[in-house]
Amino acid sequence: MPHDVFRGKNIALIFEKTSTRTRCAFEVAAHDLGMGSTYLNPTDSQIGKKESIRDTARVLSGMFDGIEYRGFGQAIVEELAQYAKVPVFNGLTNEFHPTQMLADLLTIREHFGKLQGLKLAYLGDARYNTGNSLCVACAKMGMDITIVAPEKYWPDAALRKTCEEIASQNGCRILCTEDVMAGTAGADIISTDVWVSMGEPDEIWEERIHDLTPYRVDRKVMDNAGAQAIFLHCLPSFHDLGTGIGRKINEKYGLTEMEVTDEVFESSQSLVFEEAENRMHTIKAVLYAAL
């Protein structure tokens, strides 16, 4: 529903990494608020190539009322924010994915009616944006989080320490375990993500498949959590052979499902599409609050 409170304002959307949900969420949110949006893909922008990040920030600040960045290192979006004269929004970096966390938290609160006191288990590679951000979000919201993965896939120790300090103030815990059954027992939310992050080379698929197949979210995991548990995934997901990558992995490794089984993905416990829709609602709220 349009809320033309920002008619005449405009936002620049810098996408060094492509996206379906983040781009659509920002564009629809901006449109509903009465704003214009300009999409800049990797070939449309000179950021970091012919023009420095600080210069890009200052140029765009003169033309736009906000800047969204989705791309690589966290340092890039932080430098944009340092030199921009308008709000800068993190649409995803290698290290963090804050707009996804807002959608996840809204989805959880819509379902359970609360956040504090709930237990979330994240299965898979937790060293990058989704795992890192879930630790931060849960710590701040008073939710227990257990990272369930081989130890080398746990979040950085320094980040965990910071999150543990925040969690201790909010009555919750940050835990890590390699034991799938222990880590998911009684969890209210089971979450996962793809095994290979955007921008990583294809050669690491074999290693990830070997290491993370035991941490696939399947019916046994959901039953161990309990009937109350919901399943979340930031998408896209390799739960069947409906994608080019999925078919390629099937041909090479014989897998028909990766981080989650199709049975769980399509089950009544799966709220992944409500979660995806909530990207738009939460981003609209963020734009409104910031501008």
C-alpha atoms as a PDB file:
ATOM      1  CA  MET A   1       0.000   0.000   0.000  1.00  0.00           C
ATOM      2  CA  PRO A   2       1.505   3.387  -0.978  1.00  0.00           C
ATOM      3  CA  HIS A   3       2.341   5.883   1.784  1.00  0.00           C
ATOM      4  CA  ASP A   4       3.576   8.895  -0.181  1.00  0.00           C
ATOM      5  CA  VAL A   5       5.361  10.470   2.770  1.00  0.00           C
ATOM      6  CA  PHE A   6       8.681  10.777   0.916  1.00  0.00           C
ATOM      7  CA  ARG A   7       7.513  12.084  -2.446  1.00  0.00           C
ATOM      8  CA  GLY A   8      10.492  13.782  -4.100  1.00  0.00           C
ATOM      9  CA  LYS A   9      13.136  11.787  -2.240  1.00  0.00           C
ATOM     10  CA  ASN A  10      15.393   9.231  -3.966  1.00  0.00           C
ATOM     11  CA  ILE A  11      17.617   6.312  -2.977  1.00  0.00           C
ATOM     12  CA  ALA A  12      20.638   4.828  -4.778  1.00  0.00           C
ATOM     13  CA  LEU A  13      20.816   1.017  -4.730  1.00  0.00           C
ATOM     14  CA  ILE A  14      24.388  -0.233  -5.256  1.00  0.00           C
ATOM     15  CA  PHE A  15      24.495  -3.967  -5.978  1.00  0.00           C
ATOM     16  CA  GLU A  16      27.949  -5.480  -6.418  1.00  0.00           C
ATOM     17  CA  LYS A  17      26.285  -8.812  -5.589  1.00  0.00           C
ATOM     18  CA  THR A  18      23.014  -9.588  -7.336  1.00  0.00           C
ATOM     19  CA  SER A  19      19.827 -10.323  -5.427  1.00  0.00           C
ATOM     20  CA  THR A  20      16.131 -11.041  -5.888  1.00  0.00           C
ATOM     21  CA  ARG A  21      14.739 -10.336  -2.421  1.00  0.00           C
ATOM     22  CA  THR A  22      16.965  -7.423  -1.385  1.00  0.00           C
ATOM     23  CA  ARG A  23      16.536  -5.509  -4.638  1.00  0.00           C
ATOM     24  CA  CYS A  24      12.783  -6.078  -4.844  1.00  0.00           C
ATOM     25  CA  ALA A  25      12.305  -5.265  -1.166  1.00  0.00           C
ATOM     26  CA  PHE A  26      14.171  -1.944  -1.419  1.00  0.00           C
ATOM     27  CA  GLU A  27      12.504  -0.945  -4.697  1.00  0.00           C
ATOM     28  CA  VAL A  28       8.953  -1.770  -3.561  1.00  0.00           C
ATOM     29  CA  ALA A  29       9.530  -0.219  -0.134  1.00  0.00           C
ATOM     30  CA  ALA A  30      10.893   2.969  -1.704  1.00  0.00           C
ATOM     31  CA  HIS A  31       8.041   3.129  -4.225  1.00  0.00           C
ATOM     32  CA  ASP A  32       5.375   2.653  -1.549  1.00  0.00           C
ATOM     33  CA  LEU A  33       6.924   5.481   0.443  1.00  0.00           C
ATOM     34  CA  GLY A  34       6.777   7.729  -2.609  1.00  0.00           C
ATOM     35  CA  MET A  35      10.525   7.610  -3.297  1.00  0.00           C
ATOM     36  CA  GLY A  36      12.390   7.079  -6.521  1.00  0.00           C
ATOM     37  CA  SER A  37      15.129   4.440  -6.709  1.00  0.00           C
ATOM     38  CA  THR A  38      18.124   4.049  -9.013  1.00  0.00           C
ATOM     39  CA  TYR A  39      19.627   0.571  -9.363  1.00  0.00           C
ATOM     40  CA  LEU A  40      23.392   0.384  -9.943  1.00  0.00           C
ATOM     41  CA  ASN A  41      24.738  -3.075 -10.813  1.00  0.00           C
ATOM     42  CA  PRO A  42      28.460  -3.968 -10.969  1.00  0.00           C
ATOM     43  CA  THR A  43      28.749  -2.657 -14.541  1.00  0.00           C
ATOM     44  CA  ASP A  44      26.829   0.571 -13.833  1.00  0.00           C
ATOM     45  CA  SER A  45      28.979   1.834 -10.982  1.00  0.00           C
ATOM     46  CA  GLN A  46      32.634   2.875 -10.859  1.00  0.00           C
ATOM     47  CA  ILE A  47      32.789   2.336  -7.087  1.00  0.00           C
ATOM     48  CA  GLY A  48      36.241   1.162  -6.038  1.00  0.00           C
ATOM     49  CA  LYS A  49      37.436   0.951  -9.675  1.00  0.00           C
ATOM     50  CA  LYS A  50      37.647   4.320 -11.396  1.00  0.00           C
ATOM     51  CA  GLU A  51      36.259   6.206  -8.421  1.00  0.00           C
ATOM     52  CA  SER A  52      37.144   5.762  -4.763  1.00  0.00           C
ATOM     53  CA  ILE A  53      34.536   4.751  -2.227  1.00  0.00           C
ATOM     54  CA  ARG A  54      34.805   8.071  -0.403  1.00  0.00           C
ATOM     55  CA  ASP A  55      34.328  10.000  -3.649  1.00  0.00           C
ATOM     56  CA  THR A  56      31.373   7.815  -4.617  1.00  0.00           C
ATOM     57  CA  ALA A  57      29.790   8.516  -1.227  1.00  0.00           C
ATOM     58  CA  ARG A  58      30.145  12.259  -1.688  1.00  0.00           C
ATOM     59  CA  VAL A  59      28.884  12.234  -5.286  1.00  0.00           C
ATOM     60  CA  LEU A  60      25.794  10.185  -4.482  1.00  0.00           C
ATOM     61  CA  SER A  61      25.088  12.247  -1.358  1.00  0.00           C
ATOM     62  CA  GLY A  62      24.522  15.243  -3.605  1.00  0.00           C
ATOM     63  CA  MET A  63      21.899  13.459  -5.697  1.00  0.00           C
ATOM     64  CA  PHE A  64      20.175  11.017  -3.335  1.00  0.00           C
ATOM     65  CA  ASP A  65      18.579  11.005   0.096  1.00  0.00           C
ATOM     66  CA  GLY A  66      19.880   7.518   0.959  1.00  0.00           C
ATOM     67  CA  ILE A  67      22.339   4.914  -0.307  1.00  0.00           C
ATOM     68  CA  GLU A  68      21.995   1.130  -0.093  1.00  0.00           C
ATOM     69  CA  TYR A  69      25.044  -1.084  -0.612  1.00  0.00           C
ATOM     70  CA  ARG A  70      25.099  -4.838  -1.218  1.00  0.00           C
ATOM     71  CA  GLY A  71      28.471  -6.325  -1.934  1.00  0.00           C
ATOM     72  CA  PHE A  72      31.706  -7.541  -0.445  1.00  0.00           C
ATOM     73  CA  GLY A  73      33.705  -6.363   2.583  1.00  0.00           C
ATOM     74  CA  GLN A  74      32.023  -4.697   5.561  1.00  0.00           C
ATOM     75  CA  ALA A  75      34.717  -2.026   5.366  1.00  0.00           C
ATOM     76  CA  ILE A  76      33.220  -0.793   2.076  1.00  0.00           C
ATOM     77  CA  VAL A  77      29.778  -0.006   3.467  1.00  0.00           C
ATOM     78  CA  GLU A  78      31.355   1.517   6.573  1.00  0.00           C
ATOM     79  CA  GLU A  79      33.519   3.817   4.438  1.00  0.00           C
ATOM     80  CA  LEU A  80      30.460   4.790   2.416  1.00  0.00           C
ATOM     81  CA  ALA A  81      28.701   5.692   5.650  1.00  0.00           C
ATOM     82  CA  GLN A  82      31.708   7.639   6.914  1.00  0.00           C
ATOM     83  CA  TYR A  83      31.838   9.947   3.894  1.00  0.00           C
ATOM     84  CA  ALA A  84      28.182  10.090   2.876  1.00  0.00           C
ATOM     85  CA  LYS A  85      25.980  12.959   4.050  1.00  0.00           C
ATOM     86  CA  VAL A  86      22.876  10.760   3.848  1.00  0.00           C
ATOM     87  CA  PRO A  87      21.893   7.473   5.545  1.00  0.00           C
ATOM     88  CA  VAL A  88      23.665   4.354   4.218  1.00  0.00           C
ATOM     89  CA  PHE A  89      21.934   0.954   4.435  1.00  0.00           C
ATOM     90  CA  ASN A  90      23.719  -2.403   4.479  1.00  0.00           C
ATOM     91  CA  GLY A  91      21.922  -4.751   2.042  1.00  0.00           C
ATOM     92  CA  LEU A  92      24.547  -7.476   2.669  1.00  0.00           C
ATOM     93  CA  THR A  93      28.289  -7.724   3.056  1.00  0.00           C
ATOM     94  CA  ASN A  94      30.549 -10.735   3.482  1.00  0.00           C
ATOM     95  CA  GLU A  95      30.396 -10.253   7.233  1.00  0.00           C
ATOM     96  CA  PHE A  96      26.849  -9.080   7.997  1.00  0.00           C
ATOM     97  CA  HIS A  97      23.265  -9.119   6.686  1.00  0.00           C
ATOM     98  CA  PRO A  98      21.259  -6.827   8.993  1.00  0.00           C
ATOM     99  CA  THR A  99      18.164  -6.319   6.826  1.00  0.00           C
ATOM    100  CA  GLN A 100      17.705 -10.092   6.674  1.00  0.00           C
ATOM    101  CA  MET A 101      17.841 -10.240  10.461  1.00  0.00           C
ATOM    102  CA  LEU A 102      15.003  -7.744  10.779  1.00  0.00           C
ATOM    103  CA  ALA A 103      12.865  -9.893   8.490  1.00  0.00           C
ATOM    104  CA  ASP A 104      13.753 -13.019  10.475  1.00  0.00           C
ATOM    105  CA  LEU A 105      12.912 -11.364  13.781  1.00  0.00           C
ATOM    106  CA  LEU A 106       9.584 -10.067  12.471  1.00  0.00           C
ATOM    107  CA  THR A 107       8.695 -13.536  11.162  1.00  0.00           C
ATOM    108  CA  ILE A 108       9.553 -15.119  14.510  1.00  0.00           C
ATOM    109  CA  ARG A 109       7.567 -12.528  16.472  1.00  0.00           C
ATOM    110  CA  GLU A 110       4.573 -12.863  14.155  1.00  0.00           C
ATOM    111  CA  HIS A 111       4.540 -16.616  14.776  1.00  0.00           C
ATOM    112  CA  PHE A 112       5.378 -16.828  18.495  1.00  0.00           C
ATOM    113  CA  GLY A 113       4.161 -13.430  19.657  1.00  0.00           C
ATOM    114  CA  LYS A 114       7.531 -12.715  21.299  1.00  0.00           C
ATOM    115  CA  LEU A 115      11.299 -12.938  20.853  1.00  0.00           C
ATOM    116  CA  GLN A 116      12.845 -13.020  24.323  1.00  0.00           C
ATOM    117  CA  GLY A 117      13.308 -16.498  25.738  1.00  0.00           C
ATOM    118  CA  LEU A 118      13.075 -18.352  22.431  1.00  0.00           C
ATOM    119  CA  LYS A 119      15.775 -20.749  21.232  1.00  0.00           C
ATOM    120  CA  LEU A 120      17.254 -20.700  17.731  1.00  0.00           C
ATOM    121  CA  ALA A 121      19.559 -23.337  16.232  1.00  0.00           C
ATOM    122  CA  TYR A 122      21.577 -22.512  13.119  1.00  0.00           C
ATOM    123  CA  LEU A 123      22.987 -25.432  11.122  1.00  0.00           C
ATOM    124  CA  GLY A 124      25.811 -25.082   8.622  1.00  0.00           C
ATOM    125  CA  ASP A 125      28.561 -22.608   7.804  1.00  0.00           C
ATOM    126  CA  ALA A 126      28.221 -19.823  10.388  1.00  0.00           C
ATOM    127  CA  ARG A 127      31.423 -17.887   9.613  1.00  0.00           C
ATOM    128  CA  TYR A 128      29.856 -15.329   7.303  1.00  0.00           C
ATOM    129  CA  ASN A 129      27.000 -12.837   7.141  1.00  0.00           C
ATOM    130  CA  THR A 130      24.013 -14.977   8.153  1.00  0.00           C
ATOM    131  CA  GLY A 131      25.671 -16.827  11.020  1.00  0.00           C
ATOM    132  CA  ASN A 132      27.401 -13.701  12.312  1.00  0.00           C
ATOM    133  CA  SER A 133      24.258 -11.603  12.122  1.00  0.00           C
ATOM    134  CA  LEU A 134      22.083 -14.210  13.811  1.00  0.00           C
ATOM    135  CA  CYS A 135      24.488 -14.233  16.755  1.00  0.00           C
ATOM    136  CA  VAL A 136      24.223 -10.448  17.039  1.00  0.00           C
ATOM    137  CA  ALA A 137      20.443 -10.379  16.598  1.00  0.00           C
ATOM    138  CA  CYS A 138      19.744 -13.145  19.097  1.00  0.00           C
ATOM    139  CA  ALA A 139      22.084 -11.646  21.691  1.00  0.00           C
ATOM    140  CA  LYS A 140      20.352  -8.274  21.427  1.00  0.00           C
ATOM    141  CA  MET A 141      16.829  -9.728  21.507  1.00  0.00           C
ATOM    142  CA  GLY A 142      17.363 -12.095  24.451  1.00  0.00           C
ATOM    143  CA  MET A 143      17.187 -15.282  22.386  1.00  0.00           C
ATOM    144  CA  ASP A 144      19.414 -18.307  22.912  1.00  0.00           C
ATOM    145  CA  ILE A 145      21.303 -19.315  19.762  1.00  0.00           C
ATOM    146  CA  THR A 146      23.210 -22.529  19.184  1.00  0.00           C
ATOM    147  CA  ILE A 147      25.556 -22.819  16.203  1.00  0.00           C
ATOM    148  CA  VAL A 148      25.459 -26.454  15.059  1.00  0.00           C
ATOM    149  CA  ALA A 149      28.418 -27.190  12.782  1.00  0.00           C
ATOM    150  CA  PRO A 150      31.967 -28.530  12.669  1.00  0.00           C
ATOM    151  CA  GLU A 151      34.174 -26.273  14.785  1.00  0.00           C
ATOM    152  CA  LYS A 152      35.964 -24.741  11.785  1.00  0.00           C
ATOM    153  CA  TYR A 153      32.595 -23.349  10.634  1.00  0.00           C
ATOM    154  CA  TRP A 154      31.809 -21.523  13.874  1.00  0.00           C
ATOM    155  CA  PRO A 155      31.758 -17.693  13.897  1.00  0.00           C
ATOM    156  CA  ASP A 156      34.953 -15.822  14.666  1.00  0.00           C
ATOM    157  CA  ALA A 157      35.950 -16.081  18.321  1.00  0.00           C
ATOM    158  CA  ALA A 158      36.155 -12.305  18.765  1.00  0.00           C
ATOM    159  CA  LEU A 159      32.629 -11.843  17.431  1.00  0.00           C
ATOM    160  CA  ARG A 160      31.346 -14.641  19.662  1.00  0.00           C
ATOM    161  CA  LYS A 161      32.948 -12.998  22.684  1.00  0.00           C
ATOM    162  CA  THR A 162      31.267  -9.673  21.909  1.00  0.00           C
ATOM    163  CA  CYS A 163      27.911 -11.373  21.394  1.00  0.00           C
ATOM    164  CA  GLU A 164      28.318 -13.363  24.619  1.00  0.00           C
ATOM    165  CA  GLU A 165      28.847 -10.116  26.525  1.00  0.00           C
ATOM    166  CA  ILE A 166      25.668  -8.644  25.020  1.00  0.00           C
ATOM    167  CA  ALA A 167      23.762 -11.891  25.625  1.00  0.00           C
ATOM    168  CA  SER A 168      24.755 -11.969  29.300  1.00  0.00           C
ATOM    169  CA  GLN A 169      23.032  -8.601  29.757  1.00  0.00           C
ATOM    170  CA  ASN A 170      19.856  -9.883  28.095  1.00  0.00           C
ATOM    171  CA  GLY A 171      19.522 -13.243  29.824  1.00  0.00           C
ATOM    172  CA  CYS A 172      20.404 -15.454  26.865  1.00  0.00           C
ATOM    173  CA  ARG A 173      23.314 -17.581  25.624  1.00  0.00           C
ATOM    174  CA  ILE A 174      25.527 -18.027  22.554  1.00  0.00           C
ATOM    175  CA  LEU A 175      26.493 -21.697  22.227  1.00  0.00           C
ATOM    176  CA  CYS A 176      28.379 -23.774  19.652  1.00  0.00           C
ATOM    177  CA  THR A 177      28.347 -27.545  19.197  1.00  0.00           C
ATOM    178  CA  GLU A 178      29.199 -30.194  16.647  1.00  0.00           C
ATOM    179  CA  ASP A 179      26.378 -32.436  17.951  1.00  0.00           C
ATOM    180  CA  VAL A 180      23.271 -32.076  15.757  1.00  0.00           C
ATOM    181  CA  MET A 181      20.835 -33.746  18.142  1.00  0.00           C
ATOM    182  CA  ALA A 182      22.086 -31.915  21.227  1.00  0.00           C
ATOM    183  CA  GLY A 183      22.181 -28.595  19.408  1.00  0.00           C
ATOM    184  CA  THR A 184      18.663 -28.774  17.979  1.00  0.00           C
ATOM    185  CA  ALA A 185      16.798 -30.394  20.878  1.00  0.00           C
ATOM    186  CA  GLY A 186      13.883 -28.195  21.898  1.00  0.00           C
ATOM    187  CA  ALA A 187      14.781 -25.377  19.508  1.00  0.00           C
ATOM    188  CA  ASP A 188      11.914 -23.042  18.577  1.00  0.00           C
ATOM    189  CA  ILE A 189      13.566 -21.981  15.328  1.00  0.00           C
ATOM    190  CA  ILE A 190      15.736 -24.061  13.016  1.00  0.00           C
ATOM    191  CA  SER A 191      17.677 -21.941  10.532  1.00  0.00           C
ATOM    192  CA  THR A 192      20.201 -22.657   7.808  1.00  0.00           C
ATOM    193  CA  ASP A 193      21.717 -21.176   4.652  1.00  0.00           C
ATOM    194  CA  VAL A 194      23.437 -22.345   1.488  1.00  0.00           C
ATOM    195  CA  TRP A 195      26.755 -24.094   1.967  1.00  0.00           C
ATOM    196  CA  VAL A 196      28.736 -21.920  -0.446  1.00  0.00           C
ATOM    197  CA  SER A 197      28.379 -18.152  -0.136  1.00  0.00           C
ATOM    198  CA  MET A 198      28.073 -15.759  -3.041  1.00  0.00           C
ATOM    199  CA  GLY A 199      31.457 -15.038  -4.605  1.00  0.00           C
ATOM    200  CA  GLU A 200      33.217 -18.148  -3.289  1.00  0.00           C
ATOM    201  CA  PRO A 201      34.880 -20.424  -5.890  1.00  0.00           C
ATOM    202  CA  ASP A 202      33.219 -23.612  -7.172  1.00  0.00           C
ATOM    203  CA  GLU A 203      36.195 -25.709  -6.020  1.00  0.00           C
ATOM    204  CA  ILE A 204      35.062 -25.578  -2.415  1.00  0.00           C
ATOM    205  CA  TRP A 205      31.767 -27.373  -3.070  1.00  0.00           C
ATOM    206  CA  GLU A 206      33.357 -30.793  -2.518  1.00  0.00           C
ATOM    207  CA  GLU A 207      34.786 -29.799   0.867  1.00  0.00           C
ATOM    208  CA  ARG A 208      31.515 -28.207   2.012  1.00  0.00           C
ATOM    209  CA  ILE A 209      29.433 -31.186   0.881  1.00  0.00           C
ATOM    210  CA  HIS A 210      31.729 -33.526   2.788  1.00  0.00           C
ATOM    211  CA  ASP A 211      31.736 -31.400   5.942  1.00  0.00           C
ATOM    212  CA  LEU A 212      28.158 -30.136   6.043  1.00  0.00           C
ATOM    213  CA  THR A 213      25.948 -32.932   4.692  1.00  0.00           C
ATOM    214  CA  PRO A 214      25.625 -34.330   8.256  1.00  0.00           C
ATOM    215  CA  TYR A 215      24.208 -30.902   9.207  1.00  0.00           C
ATOM    216  CA  ARG A 216      21.434 -30.862   6.602  1.00  0.00           C
ATOM    217  CA  VAL A 217      18.043 -29.875   8.020  1.00  0.00           C
ATOM    218  CA  ASP A 218      15.828 -32.922   7.569  1.00  0.00           C
ATOM    219  CA  ARG A 219      12.741 -34.387   9.208  1.00  0.00           C
ATOM    220  CA  LYS A 220      14.836 -35.972  11.977  1.00  0.00           C
ATOM    221  CA  VAL A 221      16.209 -32.541  12.920  1.00  0.00           C
ATOM    222  CA  MET A 222      12.757 -30.933  12.940  1.00  0.00           C
ATOM    223  CA  ASP A 223      11.269 -33.769  15.005  1.00  0.00           C
ATOM    224  CA  ASN A 224      14.156 -33.471  17.467  1.00  0.00           C
ATOM    225  CA  ALA A 225      13.386 -29.764  17.868  1.00  0.00           C
ATOM    226  CA  GLY A 226       9.693 -30.452  18.401  1.00  0.00           C
ATOM    227  CA  ALA A 227       6.299 -29.761  16.882  1.00  0.00           C
ATOM    228  CA  GLN A 228       6.522 -26.091  17.912  1.00  0.00           C
ATOM    229  CA  ALA A 229       9.629 -25.472  15.798  1.00  0.00           C
ATOM    230  CA  ILE A 230       9.590 -23.376  12.631  1.00  0.00           C
ATOM    231  CA  PHE A 231      12.094 -23.483   9.775  1.00  0.00           C
ATOM    232  CA  LEU A 232      13.738 -20.346   8.345  1.00  0.00           C
ATOM    233  CA  HIS A 233      16.087 -19.828   5.397  1.00  0.00           C
ATOM    234  CA  CYS A 234      17.104 -16.488   3.870  1.00  0.00           C
ATOM    235  CA  LEU A 235      16.899 -17.993   0.348  1.00  0.00           C
ATOM    236  CA  PRO A 236      17.699 -18.969  -2.332  1.00  0.00           C
ATOM    237  CA  SER A 237      17.713 -22.609  -1.257  1.00  0.00           C
ATOM    238  CA  PHE A 238      18.995 -25.786  -2.887  1.00  0.00           C
ATOM    239  CA  HIS A 239      16.229 -28.097  -1.682  1.00  0.00           C
ATOM    240  CA  ASP A 240      15.527 -29.766  -5.042  1.00  0.00           C
ATOM    241  CA  LEU A 241      16.781 -29.865  -8.644  1.00  0.00           C
ATOM    242  CA  GLY A 242      14.911 -26.753  -9.709  1.00  0.00           C
ATOM    243  CA  THR A 243      18.056 -24.601 -10.042  1.00  0.00           C
ATOM    244  CA  GLY A 244      21.015 -24.692 -12.398  1.00  0.00           C
ATOM    245  CA  ILE A 245      23.434 -25.033  -9.480  1.00  0.00           C
ATOM    246  CA  GLY A 246      21.315 -27.787  -7.972  1.00  0.00           C
ATOM    247  CA  ARG A 247      21.384 -29.783 -11.211  1.00  0.00           C
ATOM    248  CA  LYS A 248      25.122 -29.205 -11.578  1.00  0.00           C
ATOM    249  CA  ILE A 249      25.766 -30.500  -8.051  1.00  0.00           C
ATOM    250  CA  ASN A 250      23.493 -33.480  -8.738  1.00  0.00           C
ATOM    251  CA  GLU A 251      25.451 -34.397 -11.858  1.00  0.00           C
ATOM    252  CA  LYS A 252      28.803 -34.097 -10.103  1.00  0.00           C
ATOM    253  CA  TYR A 253      28.043 -35.374  -6.593  1.00  0.00           C
ATOM    254  CA  GLY A 254      24.701 -37.175  -6.858  1.00  0.00           C
ATOM    255  CA  LEU A 255      22.888 -34.970  -4.326  1.00  0.00           C
ATOM    256  CA  THR A 256      19.216 -34.118  -4.871  1.00  0.00           C
ATOM    257  CA  GLU A 257      19.051 -31.855  -1.798  1.00  0.00           C
ATOM    258  CA  MET A 258      21.685 -29.846   0.030  1.00  0.00           C
ATOM    259  CA  GLU A 259      21.285 -27.684   3.145  1.00  0.00           C
ATOM    260  CA  VAL A 260      17.608 -28.635   3.653  1.00  0.00           C
ATOM    261  CA  THR A 261      15.420 -31.450   2.394  1.00  0.00           C
ATOM    262  CA  ASP A 262      12.492 -30.678   0.141  1.00  0.00           C
ATOM    263  CA  GLU A 263      10.222 -32.346   2.711  1.00  0.00           C
ATOM    264  CA  VAL A 264      11.138 -29.757   5.363  1.00  0.00           C
ATOM    265  CA  PHE A 265      11.257 -26.827   2.947  1.00  0.00           C
ATOM    266  CA  GLU A 266       7.701 -27.495   1.756  1.00  0.00           C
ATOM    267  CA  SER A 267       6.326 -28.453   5.185  1.00  0.00           C
ATOM    268  CA  SER A 268       3.856 -26.497   7.323  1.00  0.00           C
ATOM    269  CA  GLN A 269       6.737 -25.675   9.697  1.00  0.00           C
ATOM    270  CA  SER A 270       8.543 -23.774   6.947  1.00  0.00           C
ATOM    271  CA  LEU A 271       7.938 -20.003   7.002  1.00  0.00           C
ATOM    272  CA  VAL A 272      10.520 -19.137   4.352  1.00  0.00           C
ATOM    273  CA  PHE A 273       8.114 -17.276   2.069  1.00  0.00           C
ATOM    274  CA  GLU A 274       6.598 -15.251   4.905  1.00  0.00           C
ATOM    275  CA  GLU A 275      10.198 -14.486   5.868  1.00  0.00           C
ATOM    276  CA  ALA A 276      10.967 -13.361   2.305  1.00  0.00           C
ATOM    277  CA  GLU A 277       7.918 -11.075   2.219  1.00  0.00           C
ATOM    278  CA  ASN A 278       8.972  -9.545   5.515  1.00  0.00           C
ATOM    279  CA  ARG A 279      12.153  -8.256   3.854  1.00  0.00           C
ATOM    280  CA  MET A 280       9.962  -5.617   2.200  1.00  0.00           C
ATOM    281  CA  HIS A 281       7.983  -4.672   5.308  1.00  0.00           C
ATOM    282  CA  THR A 282      11.054  -4.324   7.528  1.00  0.00           C
ATOM    283  CA  ILE A 283      13.072  -2.414   4.917  1.00  0.00           C
ATOM    284  CA  LYS A 284      10.148  -0.032   4.485  1.00  0.00           C
ATOM    285  CA  ALA A 285      10.207   0.546   8.251  1.00  0.00           C
ATOM    286  CA  VAL A 286      13.975   1.130   8.216  1.00  0.00           C
ATOM    287  CA  LEU A 287      13.719   3.664   5.379  1.00  0.00           C
ATOM    288  CA  TYR A 288      10.903   5.478   7.153  1.00  0.00           C
ATOM    289  CA  ALA A 289      12.767   5.564  10.477  1.00  0.00           C
ATOM    290  CA  ALA A 290      16.032   6.768   8.917  1.00  0.00           C
ATOM    291  CA  LEU A 291      14.606   9.382   6.563  1.00  0.00           C
END
